[in-house]
Protein backbone atom coordinates (compact mmCIF):
# COMPACT_ATOMS: atom_id res chain seq x y z
CA MET A 1 -12.80 18.83 -68.49
CA GLU A 2 -15.31 17.69 -70.69
CA PRO A 3 -17.42 14.64 -69.43
CA PRO A 4 -17.36 11.65 -71.34
CA GLU A 5 -20.26 10.37 -73.28
CA GLY A 6 -23.27 9.89 -71.05
CA PRO A 7 -25.23 6.85 -70.29
CA GLU A 8 -27.51 7.00 -73.13
CA SER A 9 -24.38 6.07 -75.36
CA GLY A 10 -24.76 2.21 -74.43
CA GLY A 11 -26.29 0.00 -72.10
CA GLU A 12 -23.92 0.06 -69.45
CA LYS A 13 -25.28 1.43 -66.12
CA ALA A 14 -23.67 4.77 -65.36
CA TYR A 15 -22.18 5.56 -62.07
CA TYR A 16 -24.70 7.91 -60.94
CA VAL A 17 -23.77 10.70 -58.42
CA THR A 18 -25.99 13.43 -57.03
CA THR A 19 -26.03 16.62 -54.87
CA PRO A 20 -29.13 17.93 -53.31
CA ILE A 21 -30.66 20.43 -55.01
CA TYR A 22 -30.16 23.76 -53.46
CA TYR A 23 -32.77 25.88 -52.29
CA VAL A 24 -32.43 29.34 -54.01
CA ASN A 25 -33.59 31.64 -51.56
CA ASP A 26 -30.04 33.14 -51.18
CA ALA A 27 -26.59 33.09 -52.85
CA PRO A 28 -24.23 29.90 -52.26
CA HIS A 29 -22.16 29.79 -49.63
CA LEU A 30 -19.08 27.24 -48.43
CA GLY A 31 -21.34 24.60 -47.20
CA HIS A 32 -23.29 24.31 -50.34
CA ALA A 33 -19.85 24.11 -52.26
CA TYR A 34 -18.70 21.66 -49.84
CA THR A 35 -21.00 19.13 -50.72
CA THR A 36 -20.83 19.85 -54.42
CA LEU A 37 -16.87 19.37 -54.36
CA ALA A 38 -17.08 16.09 -52.80
CA ALA A 39 -19.71 14.98 -55.47
CA ASP A 40 -17.51 16.55 -58.42
CA VAL A 41 -14.37 14.77 -57.00
CA LEU A 42 -16.20 11.33 -56.75
CA ALA A 43 -17.58 11.74 -60.23
CA ARG A 44 -14.28 12.96 -61.75
CA TRP A 45 -12.66 10.05 -59.98
CA HIS A 46 -14.83 7.25 -61.43
CA ARG A 47 -14.40 9.19 -65.05
CA GLN A 48 -10.75 8.78 -64.31
CA ARG A 49 -11.19 5.18 -64.01
CA GLY A 50 -12.75 4.99 -67.45
CA GLU A 51 -16.32 4.46 -66.09
CA LYS A 52 -19.33 6.07 -67.58
CA VAL A 53 -20.64 8.66 -65.05
CA TRP A 54 -23.79 10.97 -64.89
CA PHE A 55 -23.21 13.80 -62.21
CA LEU A 56 -26.40 15.68 -61.30
CA THR A 57 -26.80 18.82 -59.35
CA GLY A 58 -29.49 21.77 -59.61
CA THR A 59 -31.89 24.06 -57.79
CA ASP A 60 -34.93 23.61 -55.58
CA GLU A 61 -37.13 26.80 -56.49
CA HIS A 62 -40.67 26.07 -55.08
CA GLY A 63 -42.15 26.63 -51.73
CA GLN A 64 -43.19 29.08 -49.35
CA LYS A 65 -39.78 30.44 -48.37
CA ILE A 66 -39.00 31.25 -52.16
CA LEU A 67 -42.20 33.03 -52.50
CA ARG A 68 -41.65 35.22 -49.31
CA THR A 69 -38.06 35.90 -50.50
CA ALA A 70 -39.23 36.89 -53.83
CA THR A 71 -41.99 39.10 -52.41
CA ALA A 72 -39.64 40.76 -49.86
CA HIS A 73 -37.54 41.75 -53.29
CA GLY A 74 -40.47 42.76 -55.05
CA VAL A 75 -40.33 40.20 -57.74
CA SER A 76 -42.13 37.28 -58.84
CA PRO A 77 -40.87 33.83 -57.54
CA GLN A 78 -39.93 32.91 -61.22
CA GLU A 79 -37.70 36.17 -61.62
CA TRP A 80 -36.18 35.64 -58.29
CA CYS A 81 -35.33 31.91 -59.19
CA ASP A 82 -34.01 33.18 -62.57
CA ARG A 83 -31.69 35.67 -61.10
CA LEU A 84 -30.11 33.63 -58.50
CA VAL A 85 -29.47 30.72 -60.70
CA GLU A 86 -27.95 32.70 -63.50
CA GLU A 87 -26.09 35.17 -61.33
CA ALA A 88 -24.95 33.18 -58.46
CA TRP A 89 -25.34 29.33 -58.66
CA GLN A 90 -24.27 28.52 -62.19
CA PRO A 91 -21.46 31.00 -62.30
CA LEU A 92 -19.98 29.65 -58.96
CA TRP A 93 -19.95 25.84 -60.03
CA ARG A 94 -18.12 27.27 -63.26
CA HIS A 95 -15.66 29.11 -61.22
CA LEU A 96 -14.97 26.09 -58.89
CA GLU A 97 -14.63 23.80 -62.15
CA ILE A 98 -17.74 21.63 -61.20
CA ALA A 99 -18.02 19.07 -64.19
CA HIS A 100 -21.60 18.24 -63.80
CA ASP A 101 -23.34 16.51 -66.63
CA ASP A 102 -26.95 17.94 -65.76
CA PHE A 103 -28.04 20.82 -63.85
CA ILE A 104 -31.92 20.71 -63.00
CA ARG A 105 -34.23 23.13 -61.80
CA THR A 106 -37.69 22.14 -60.39
CA THR A 107 -39.38 25.09 -62.57
CA GLN A 108 -38.35 23.17 -65.66
CA ARG A 109 -41.40 21.38 -67.47
CA ARG A 110 -39.17 18.18 -67.76
CA HIS A 111 -39.52 18.06 -63.88
CA THR A 112 -42.97 19.37 -63.09
CA ASP A 113 -44.66 17.37 -65.79
CA ARG A 114 -43.00 14.17 -64.36
CA VAL A 115 -43.64 15.03 -60.80
CA GLN A 116 -47.37 15.29 -61.47
CA GLU A 117 -47.21 11.80 -63.02
CA PHE A 118 -45.38 10.37 -60.17
CA VAL A 119 -47.78 11.70 -57.53
CA GLN A 120 -50.84 11.03 -59.65
CA ASP A 121 -49.68 7.16 -59.74
CA LEU A 122 -49.26 7.15 -55.97
CA TYR A 123 -52.83 8.54 -55.60
CA ASP A 124 -54.39 5.84 -58.21
CA ASN A 125 -52.52 3.23 -56.06
CA GLY A 126 -54.28 4.33 -53.06
CA GLU A 127 -51.20 5.76 -51.25
CA ILE A 128 -52.60 9.03 -51.01
CA TYR A 129 -55.68 10.40 -49.12
CA LYS A 130 -57.12 13.84 -47.81
CA ALA A 131 -57.31 14.94 -44.47
CA ASP A 132 -57.00 18.00 -42.29
CA TYR A 133 -53.58 18.81 -40.59
CA GLU A 134 -52.42 20.90 -37.73
CA GLY A 135 -49.21 20.92 -36.41
CA PRO A 136 -45.74 23.33 -36.23
CA TYR A 137 -44.11 24.03 -39.42
CA CYS A 138 -40.40 25.56 -39.94
CA VAL A 139 -40.50 27.50 -43.21
CA HIS A 140 -36.70 27.43 -43.39
CA CYS A 141 -36.69 23.73 -43.32
CA GLU A 142 -39.92 23.43 -45.36
CA GLU A 143 -41.06 20.81 -42.84
CA PHE A 144 -43.73 20.01 -40.37
CA LYS A 145 -41.96 19.41 -37.21
CA ILE A 146 -42.55 17.01 -34.38
CA PRO A 147 -43.38 18.89 -31.35
CA ALA A 148 -41.09 17.02 -28.98
CA GLU A 149 -38.05 17.78 -31.18
CA LEU A 150 -38.66 21.67 -30.97
CA LEU A 151 -36.44 23.92 -28.63
CA ASP A 152 -37.76 26.35 -25.96
CA GLY A 153 -37.00 29.97 -27.24
CA GLU A 154 -35.22 32.66 -25.20
CA GLY A 155 -34.65 36.11 -25.46
CA GLU A 156 -36.43 37.76 -28.39
CA TYR A 157 -38.15 34.32 -28.94
CA ALA A 158 -39.06 33.68 -25.12
CA GLY A 159 -42.44 31.82 -25.37
CA GLN A 160 -42.05 30.62 -28.53
CA LYS A 161 -40.91 27.08 -30.02
CA LEU A 162 -37.94 26.94 -32.18
CA CYS A 163 -36.83 24.81 -34.91
CA PRO A 164 -33.68 22.87 -33.83
CA ILE A 165 -31.77 23.28 -36.96
CA HIS A 166 -32.41 27.11 -37.62
CA ARG A 167 -33.24 28.28 -34.18
CA LYS A 168 -36.12 30.31 -35.58
CA PRO A 169 -39.87 30.18 -34.44
CA VAL A 170 -42.25 27.68 -36.29
CA GLU A 171 -45.48 28.52 -37.57
CA LEU A 172 -48.56 26.57 -36.32
CA LEU A 173 -50.32 25.63 -39.59
CA GLN A 174 -53.80 24.12 -39.98
CA GLU A 175 -54.69 23.04 -43.52
CA GLU A 176 -56.72 20.54 -45.41
CA ASN A 177 -53.82 18.42 -47.24
CA TYR A 178 -53.27 15.42 -49.07
CA PHE A 179 -51.33 12.60 -47.30
CA PHE A 180 -49.04 9.97 -48.27
CA ARG A 181 -49.36 6.83 -46.28
CA LEU A 182 -45.81 6.82 -44.98
CA SER A 183 -46.79 4.91 -41.71
CA ASP A 184 -47.04 1.67 -43.78
CA TYR A 185 -43.41 1.66 -44.64
CA PRO A 186 -41.59 1.32 -41.43
CA GLU A 187 -41.04 -2.43 -41.52
CA ARG A 188 -40.22 -2.33 -45.21
CA LEU A 189 -37.64 0.54 -44.80
CA LEU A 190 -36.03 -1.41 -41.63
CA ALA A 191 -35.70 -4.59 -43.67
CA HIS A 192 -33.90 -2.68 -46.54
CA TYR A 193 -31.49 -0.99 -43.84
CA GLU A 194 -30.90 -4.12 -42.49
CA ALA A 195 -30.03 -6.30 -45.73
CA HIS A 196 -28.15 -3.21 -47.20
CA PRO A 197 -26.02 -1.74 -44.21
CA GLU A 198 -24.07 0.45 -46.68
CA PHE A 199 -27.47 2.10 -47.55
CA ILE A 200 -26.95 4.84 -44.87
CA GLN A 201 -23.38 6.60 -44.34
CA PRO A 202 -21.68 7.17 -42.08
CA GLU A 203 -22.60 4.66 -39.52
CA SER A 204 -23.67 7.30 -37.06
CA ALA A 205 -26.24 8.75 -39.39
CA ARG A 206 -27.46 4.95 -40.11
CA ASN A 207 -28.19 4.59 -36.71
CA GLU A 208 -30.06 7.96 -36.18
CA VAL A 209 -32.31 6.93 -39.28
CA VAL A 210 -32.91 3.20 -37.94
CA ASN A 211 -33.61 4.54 -34.38
CA PHE A 212 -36.07 7.23 -35.98
CA VAL A 213 -37.86 4.70 -37.99
CA ARG A 214 -38.25 2.15 -35.32
CA GLN A 215 -40.33 4.63 -33.40
CA GLY A 216 -42.86 4.41 -36.05
CA LEU A 217 -43.68 6.80 -38.85
CA GLN A 218 -46.51 9.45 -39.25
CA ASP A 219 -48.18 9.81 -42.55
CA LEU A 220 -46.57 12.63 -44.64
CA SER A 221 -48.45 15.76 -45.84
CA ILE A 222 -47.62 15.94 -49.64
CA SER A 223 -49.57 19.07 -50.31
CA ARG A 224 -50.05 22.69 -49.21
CA SER A 225 -53.30 24.69 -49.90
CA THR A 226 -52.47 28.12 -48.43
CA PHE A 227 -50.28 29.24 -51.22
CA SER A 228 -49.71 28.78 -54.86
CA TRP A 229 -45.76 28.76 -55.79
CA GLY A 230 -45.40 24.98 -56.45
CA VAL A 231 -46.25 22.29 -58.73
CA PRO A 232 -50.19 21.97 -58.93
CA VAL A 233 -51.81 18.27 -57.55
CA PRO A 234 -52.99 16.93 -60.80
CA TRP A 235 -56.49 16.05 -59.51
CA ASP A 236 -56.96 19.09 -57.15
CA ASP A 237 -55.42 22.46 -58.51
CA ARG A 238 -56.21 24.07 -55.21
CA HIS A 239 -53.35 22.40 -53.80
CA VAL A 240 -49.52 22.40 -54.62
CA ILE A 241 -47.42 19.41 -54.04
CA TYR A 242 -45.23 19.72 -50.79
CA VAL A 243 -41.73 21.17 -51.77
CA TRP A 244 -40.02 18.21 -50.36
CA VAL A 245 -41.91 15.39 -52.74
CA ASP A 246 -41.23 17.94 -55.54
CA ALA A 247 -37.68 18.32 -54.67
CA LEU A 248 -36.47 14.60 -54.06
CA LEU A 249 -38.03 13.48 -57.45
CA ASN A 250 -35.64 15.59 -59.32
CA TYR A 251 -33.39 12.51 -59.01
CA ALA A 252 -35.75 10.62 -61.27
CA THR A 253 -36.85 13.26 -63.44
CA ALA A 254 -33.44 14.47 -64.47
CA ALA A 255 -32.66 10.62 -65.31
CA GLY A 256 -35.42 10.40 -67.79
CA TYR A 257 -38.50 8.97 -65.54
CA ASN A 258 -41.68 8.47 -67.97
CA GLU A 259 -39.62 10.73 -70.54
CA ASN A 260 -36.61 8.95 -71.89
CA PRO A 261 -36.75 5.13 -70.83
CA ALA A 262 -33.28 4.45 -72.51
CA LYS A 263 -31.78 7.02 -70.28
CA PHE A 264 -33.63 5.91 -67.25
CA ALA A 265 -32.63 2.31 -67.48
CA THR A 266 -29.08 3.10 -67.59
CA THR A 267 -28.80 5.72 -65.02
CA PHE A 268 -31.63 5.43 -62.40
CA PRO A 269 -31.28 4.76 -59.48
CA ALA A 270 -28.40 6.88 -58.25
CA ASP A 271 -25.31 5.09 -57.06
CA VAL A 272 -24.55 7.74 -54.49
CA HIS A 273 -26.72 10.64 -52.94
CA LEU A 274 -24.76 13.06 -51.28
CA VAL A 275 -26.63 15.33 -48.79
CA GLY A 276 -26.15 17.31 -45.81
CA LYS A 277 -26.95 15.54 -42.66
CA ASP A 278 -29.80 17.99 -41.67
CA ILE A 279 -31.88 16.69 -44.74
CA LEU A 280 -30.91 13.05 -44.17
CA ARG A 281 -34.14 11.81 -43.16
CA PHE A 282 -35.87 13.07 -46.19
CA HIS A 283 -33.62 11.05 -48.43
CA ALA A 284 -33.19 7.99 -46.20
CA VAL A 285 -36.98 7.62 -45.03
CA ILE A 286 -39.38 9.48 -47.26
CA TRP A 287 -37.47 9.04 -50.68
CA PRO A 288 -37.00 5.41 -50.56
CA ALA A 289 -40.82 4.81 -49.24
CA MET A 290 -41.98 7.07 -52.29
CA LEU A 291 -39.69 4.59 -54.44
CA MET A 292 -41.23 1.71 -53.13
CA ALA A 293 -44.81 3.08 -53.16
CA ASN A 294 -44.39 3.25 -57.13
CA GLY A 295 -42.31 0.28 -57.49
CA LEU A 296 -39.07 1.91 -58.39
CA PRO A 297 -35.43 0.78 -57.59
CA LEU A 298 -33.72 2.39 -54.44
CA PRO A 299 -30.45 4.35 -54.59
CA GLY A 300 -27.22 2.47 -53.58
CA ARG A 301 -26.10 4.71 -51.11
CA ILE A 302 -27.24 7.80 -49.22
CA VAL A 303 -23.94 9.44 -47.68
CA ALA A 304 -24.53 12.47 -45.02
CA ASN A 305 -21.66 14.90 -44.75
CA GLY A 306 -20.91 16.97 -41.75
CA TRP A 307 -21.58 20.57 -41.09
CA LEU A 308 -18.76 23.34 -41.79
CA LEU A 309 -18.58 25.24 -38.54
CA VAL A 310 -17.48 28.57 -37.90
CA GLY A 311 -17.17 29.89 -34.40
CA GLY A 312 -18.78 26.39 -33.50
CA GLU A 313 -21.99 27.31 -35.29
CA LYS A 314 -23.27 25.55 -38.70
CA MET A 315 -22.39 27.97 -41.65
CA SER A 316 -25.39 29.57 -43.08
CA LYS A 317 -26.72 33.02 -44.16
CA SER A 318 -29.32 32.71 -41.15
CA ASN A 319 -26.86 32.88 -38.51
CA LEU A 320 -24.47 35.32 -40.33
CA THR A 321 -21.57 32.75 -40.76
CA GLY A 322 -22.19 32.27 -44.42
CA ILE A 323 -18.65 33.01 -46.45
CA LYS A 324 -18.66 33.18 -50.04
CA PRO A 325 -16.33 30.82 -51.91
CA GLN A 326 -15.07 33.38 -53.75
CA ASP A 327 -13.43 35.15 -50.52
CA LEU A 328 -11.17 32.23 -50.49
CA THR A 329 -10.57 31.30 -54.21
CA SER A 330 -9.32 35.08 -54.63
CA HIS A 331 -6.69 34.74 -52.13
CA PHE A 332 -5.55 30.71 -52.26
CA GLY A 333 -6.87 29.85 -55.84
CA VAL A 334 -9.48 27.52 -56.91
CA ASP A 335 -7.71 24.41 -56.79
CA ALA A 336 -6.26 25.07 -53.30
CA TYR A 337 -10.21 25.63 -52.48
CA ARG A 338 -11.22 22.18 -53.89
CA TRP A 339 -8.29 20.56 -52.09
CA TYR A 340 -8.55 22.15 -48.38
CA PHE A 341 -12.02 21.23 -47.85
CA LEU A 342 -11.65 17.59 -48.64
CA ARG A 343 -8.15 17.25 -47.19
CA ALA A 344 -8.82 19.02 -43.67
CA ILE A 345 -12.34 17.60 -42.87
CA ALA A 346 -13.27 14.05 -42.66
CA PHE A 347 -16.29 13.38 -44.74
CA GLY A 348 -19.21 12.60 -42.81
CA GLN A 349 -18.13 14.55 -39.70
CA ASP A 350 -18.36 18.08 -38.60
CA GLY A 351 -15.45 20.41 -39.36
CA ALA A 352 -14.26 23.62 -38.53
CA PHE A 353 -13.01 26.15 -41.00
CA SER A 354 -10.58 28.81 -40.48
CA TRP A 355 -8.53 31.21 -42.46
CA GLU A 356 -5.37 30.34 -40.44
CA ASP A 357 -5.69 26.43 -40.74
CA PHE A 358 -6.15 27.07 -44.43
CA SER A 359 -2.82 29.22 -44.81
CA ALA A 360 -0.85 26.68 -42.91
CA ARG A 361 -1.87 23.78 -44.84
CA TYR A 362 -1.37 25.55 -48.03
CA THR A 363 1.97 26.74 -47.33
CA SER A 364 3.03 23.24 -45.85
CA GLU A 365 1.63 20.80 -47.93
CA LEU A 366 0.60 22.66 -51.28
CA ALA A 367 3.74 25.35 -51.79
CA ASN A 368 6.45 23.41 -49.60
CA ASP A 369 5.74 19.63 -50.41
CA TYR A 370 3.95 19.39 -53.63
CA GLY A 371 4.58 22.53 -55.56
CA ASN A 372 8.29 22.54 -54.39
CA LEU A 373 8.75 18.88 -55.62
CA ALA A 374 7.34 19.88 -59.10
CA SER A 375 9.48 22.97 -59.41
CA ARG A 376 13.03 21.53 -58.52
CA VAL A 377 12.55 18.27 -60.31
CA THR A 378 11.61 20.02 -63.80
CA ALA A 379 14.21 22.58 -62.90
CA MET A 380 16.94 20.03 -62.54
CA ILE A 381 16.07 18.08 -65.78
CA GLY A 382 16.25 21.45 -67.56
CA ARG A 383 19.56 22.39 -65.89
CA TYR A 384 21.41 18.89 -66.27
CA PHE A 385 19.93 17.44 -69.10
CA ASP A 386 18.75 20.45 -71.43
CA GLY A 387 14.99 19.85 -70.44
CA GLU A 388 14.97 16.35 -72.07
CA LEU A 389 13.97 13.50 -69.90
CA PRO A 390 17.00 10.88 -69.96
CA ALA A 391 16.87 7.23 -69.59
CA SER A 392 17.04 5.61 -66.15
CA PRO A 393 19.92 2.96 -66.22
CA ALA A 394 20.81 2.82 -62.66
CA GLU A 395 17.91 1.61 -60.74
CA GLY A 396 18.49 0.33 -57.12
CA ASP A 397 16.74 -0.56 -53.99
CA ALA A 398 15.99 3.38 -53.26
CA GLU A 399 14.06 3.54 -56.75
CA GLN A 400 12.10 -0.06 -56.03
CA THR A 401 10.98 1.47 -52.59
CA ILE A 402 9.47 4.38 -54.57
CA ARG A 403 7.79 2.05 -57.07
CA THR A 404 6.55 -0.14 -54.09
CA GLY A 405 5.12 3.28 -52.31
CA LEU A 406 3.35 4.50 -55.64
CA THR A 407 1.72 1.07 -55.93
CA ARG A 408 0.66 1.11 -52.60
CA THR A 409 -0.50 4.81 -53.03
CA VAL A 410 -2.60 3.94 -56.09
CA ALA A 411 -4.51 1.25 -54.60
CA GLU A 412 -5.11 3.12 -51.15
CA ALA A 413 -6.37 6.37 -52.84
CA ASP A 414 -8.51 4.34 -55.08
CA ARG A 415 -10.32 2.55 -52.47
CA ARG A 416 -10.38 5.30 -50.21
CA ILE A 417 -11.85 8.06 -52.52
CA GLY A 418 -13.53 5.56 -55.41
CA GLU A 419 -15.26 3.31 -52.91
CA ASP A 420 -15.42 4.46 -49.15
CA LEU A 421 -15.74 8.14 -49.99
CA ASP A 422 -13.06 8.87 -47.55
CA PHE A 423 -11.60 11.94 -49.47
CA GLN A 424 -9.58 13.05 -46.69
CA GLY A 425 -8.02 9.64 -46.42
CA GLY A 426 -7.29 9.22 -49.91
CA ILE A 427 -5.92 12.74 -50.36
CA ALA A 428 -3.68 12.04 -47.24
CA ALA A 429 -2.36 8.89 -48.83
CA ILE A 430 -1.23 10.77 -51.89
CA PHE A 431 0.49 13.72 -49.98
CA ASP A 432 2.42 10.72 -47.98
CA PHE A 433 3.83 9.75 -51.54
CA VAL A 434 4.59 13.23 -51.91
CA ARG A 435 6.74 13.37 -48.69
CA GLN A 436 8.29 10.13 -49.67
CA VAL A 437 9.51 11.42 -52.83
CA ASN A 438 10.78 14.61 -51.27
CA GLY A 439 12.55 12.39 -48.80
CA TYR A 440 14.10 10.42 -51.74
CA LEU A 441 15.50 13.57 -53.18
CA THR A 442 16.98 14.56 -50.11
CA GLU A 443 18.46 11.36 -49.34
CA GLN A 444 19.77 10.87 -53.00
CA GLU A 445 21.16 14.49 -53.23
CA PRO A 446 20.96 14.79 -57.04
CA TRP A 447 22.44 18.36 -56.99
CA LYS A 448 25.57 16.61 -55.60
CA VAL A 449 25.57 13.76 -57.73
CA ALA A 450 25.48 16.30 -60.76
CA LYS A 451 29.17 17.23 -60.04
CA ASP A 452 30.21 13.95 -60.77
CA ALA A 453 30.79 13.96 -64.70
CA SER A 454 31.56 10.35 -64.99
CA PRO A 455 29.26 8.01 -66.88
CA ALA A 456 28.35 6.16 -63.72
CA GLY A 457 27.59 9.80 -62.18
CA ARG A 458 25.48 10.65 -65.07
CA ALA A 459 23.52 7.54 -65.06
CA ARG A 460 22.90 7.77 -61.44
CA LEU A 461 21.74 11.31 -61.74
CA ALA A 462 19.34 10.25 -64.67
CA THR A 463 17.88 7.60 -62.69
CA ILE A 464 16.97 9.99 -59.73
CA LEU A 465 15.65 12.61 -62.04
CA CYS A 466 13.78 9.92 -64.03
CA THR A 467 12.48 8.36 -60.68
CA ALA A 468 11.13 11.69 -59.40
CA ALA A 469 9.50 12.88 -62.77
CA GLU A 470 7.82 9.14 -63.13
CA SER A 471 6.46 10.04 -59.34
CA LEU A 472 4.95 13.58 -60.85
CA ARG A 473 3.41 11.85 -63.61
CA ALA A 474 1.36 9.77 -61.34
CA LEU A 475 0.66 12.50 -58.98
CA ALA A 476 -0.79 14.68 -61.70
CA VAL A 477 -3.04 11.62 -62.51
CA LEU A 478 -3.90 10.87 -58.97
CA LEU A 479 -4.89 14.82 -58.18
CA HIS A 480 -6.35 15.33 -61.34
CA PRO A 481 -9.89 14.83 -59.86
CA VAL A 482 -9.08 16.99 -56.68
CA MET A 483 -7.06 20.00 -58.43
CA PRO A 484 -7.68 19.83 -62.15
CA GLU A 485 -6.12 22.87 -63.23
CA THR A 486 -2.77 22.49 -61.65
CA SER A 487 -2.57 18.86 -62.49
CA ARG A 488 -3.29 19.93 -66.17
CA ARG A 489 -0.30 22.14 -65.76
CA LEU A 490 2.00 19.81 -64.38
CA TRP A 491 0.91 17.49 -67.12
CA THR A 492 1.97 19.83 -69.64
CA SER A 493 5.50 20.74 -67.75
CA LEU A 494 6.43 16.99 -67.73
CA GLY A 495 5.69 16.66 -71.59
CA ALA A 496 3.06 13.99 -70.93
CA GLU A 497 0.53 15.72 -73.17
CA HIS A 498 2.58 14.97 -76.04
CA ALA A 499 4.08 11.69 -74.92
CA LEU A 500 1.10 10.22 -73.41
CA GLY A 501 -2.19 12.27 -74.56
CA PRO A 502 -4.66 14.15 -72.53
CA LEU A 503 -4.63 13.94 -68.72
CA ALA A 504 -8.34 13.01 -68.67
CA ASP A 505 -7.69 9.88 -70.59
CA GLN A 506 -5.37 8.57 -68.13
CA ARG A 507 -6.43 5.74 -65.90
CA ILE A 508 -6.32 5.95 -61.75
CA GLN A 509 -5.46 2.09 -62.24
CA ALA A 510 -2.79 2.80 -64.45
CA ALA A 511 -1.22 5.67 -62.49
CA GLY A 512 1.37 3.26 -61.12
CA ASP A 513 2.51 1.61 -64.19
CA TRP A 514 6.21 2.53 -63.82
CA GLY A 515 8.17 3.87 -66.75
CA SER A 516 5.04 5.64 -68.71
CA LEU A 517 7.22 8.64 -69.56
CA PRO A 518 9.50 7.98 -72.37
CA ALA A 519 13.07 8.94 -72.57
CA GLY A 520 13.28 11.95 -74.75
CA THR A 521 10.22 13.68 -73.48
CA ARG A 522 10.51 17.64 -73.34
CA VAL A 523 10.29 18.80 -69.91
CA VAL A 524 9.79 22.45 -69.09
CA LYS A 525 9.83 24.23 -65.69
CA GLY A 526 6.61 26.08 -65.57
CA THR A 527 5.30 28.89 -62.99
CA ALA A 528 4.87 27.74 -59.49
CA LEU A 529 2.03 25.34 -58.97
CA PHE A 530 1.25 27.11 -55.66
CA PRO A 531 2.74 30.72 -55.40
CA ARG A 532 3.85 31.85 -51.92
CA LEU A 533 1.04 33.55 -50.30
CA GLU A 534 1.27 37.14 -49.45
CA GLU A 535 0.65 37.95 -45.76
CA ALA A 536 -2.66 39.16 -46.03
CA GLU A 537 -5.64 40.12 -43.64
CA ARG A 538 -8.23 37.44 -43.08
CA GLY A 539 -10.89 38.00 -45.96
CA ALA A 540 -8.60 39.79 -48.05
């Protein structure tokens, strides 16, 4: 789907959605794709509402971990980043139909120049000073750690202190660095959290951040001086800017900070930052404090998703539970993949993935409920009315119940997905309506009504199939942000492209407008939206 005109096309503030920018030390796995899919569905949903949307994703390409990875592979850091972005990250987003408006790389000049300007302003405003620092550092997190949060190593790591996230030994670093006066900001941050309780979501994440800030904050080292792969500190090129300060600023630099005032004014700040819960503190503490220090507005919401778990462990390359999305899309298809992770896991909570659960849900909900509904309705219109949608002259209480159900579904799905970011709840509401329509067909038995050739029988048959077709029209609109390819196929099968125009132009709010498909529309039974799965070994 081509995104609509961006925020520069007028003065209206765009609905600005971001993912984290992902560290390119390796190829993406299911965890990266999970956050990106959620952001894509959210952006598509708001586009389907007719709103201006700006959806940003990208890659984080500086720091010690990138340098070490590139060196281990015998290439320069820039060559490594270019290879990973061009051969792994961007192709996967195309494969998954991620419809982002911008893809920012932290090695681009449009970013690095603006980062230097932002940090220079902090320095000029007295927010940055120079000092010595000694403390534990996790290269995997690219973060100085608080000693109290470290774990005691066992086995091969006995006698060492471990990062609580990566379970790998931290390094003791001693450097002369520049520091941001983060310790000046706890009260201002807490006041903002209190005034804007929606700022950090879910509630458990908000509570964690509030408790952390209430304990007081240490000043933040914003430079490193023992390696050179990063953005140089503008007043002291012996230092590079700390990778997290560099990375967080992508949300401003991509929006035109200090470069495109018109775009910046109609884009920044983000309405929603979607992040993994392991990087929540960076986004909910450091990022707003940096913005406060330079007098810039704060984002609307920072929403932390949970971890995808395999065998009870967070999915990552380092613990060998990383799974390529293509391992699943090759078996289930891209749209089923997009649907499954948002349907099966409550956004904001940890969720376990299993091949068996995916197979069961695919068969039950996609193939049997939704796919079979589309197949048999279009087939019956072809069989009984030569593929031409009839008029609907004999509506009664059963049809009114479907209408009412659809109205309720549209409102609930729009609230849950578009406002609450409850993707699971919104998709569940839509599939409750799928089951309602299937139940309606089971009760009305159009295949039996078709045996009645009287005018009354024909009128009743027409009404039943029109009701089902109208329901499918609405489902194609509601599920388009989640499953774009199959929704487009259903839209074409119903003849709606010719009768009503492109699916992308249909509005969520109008999905429940009954009678949108005109009589005489040509309906064609297409191939199965969700073919039956062959029995396959896990990972096939």
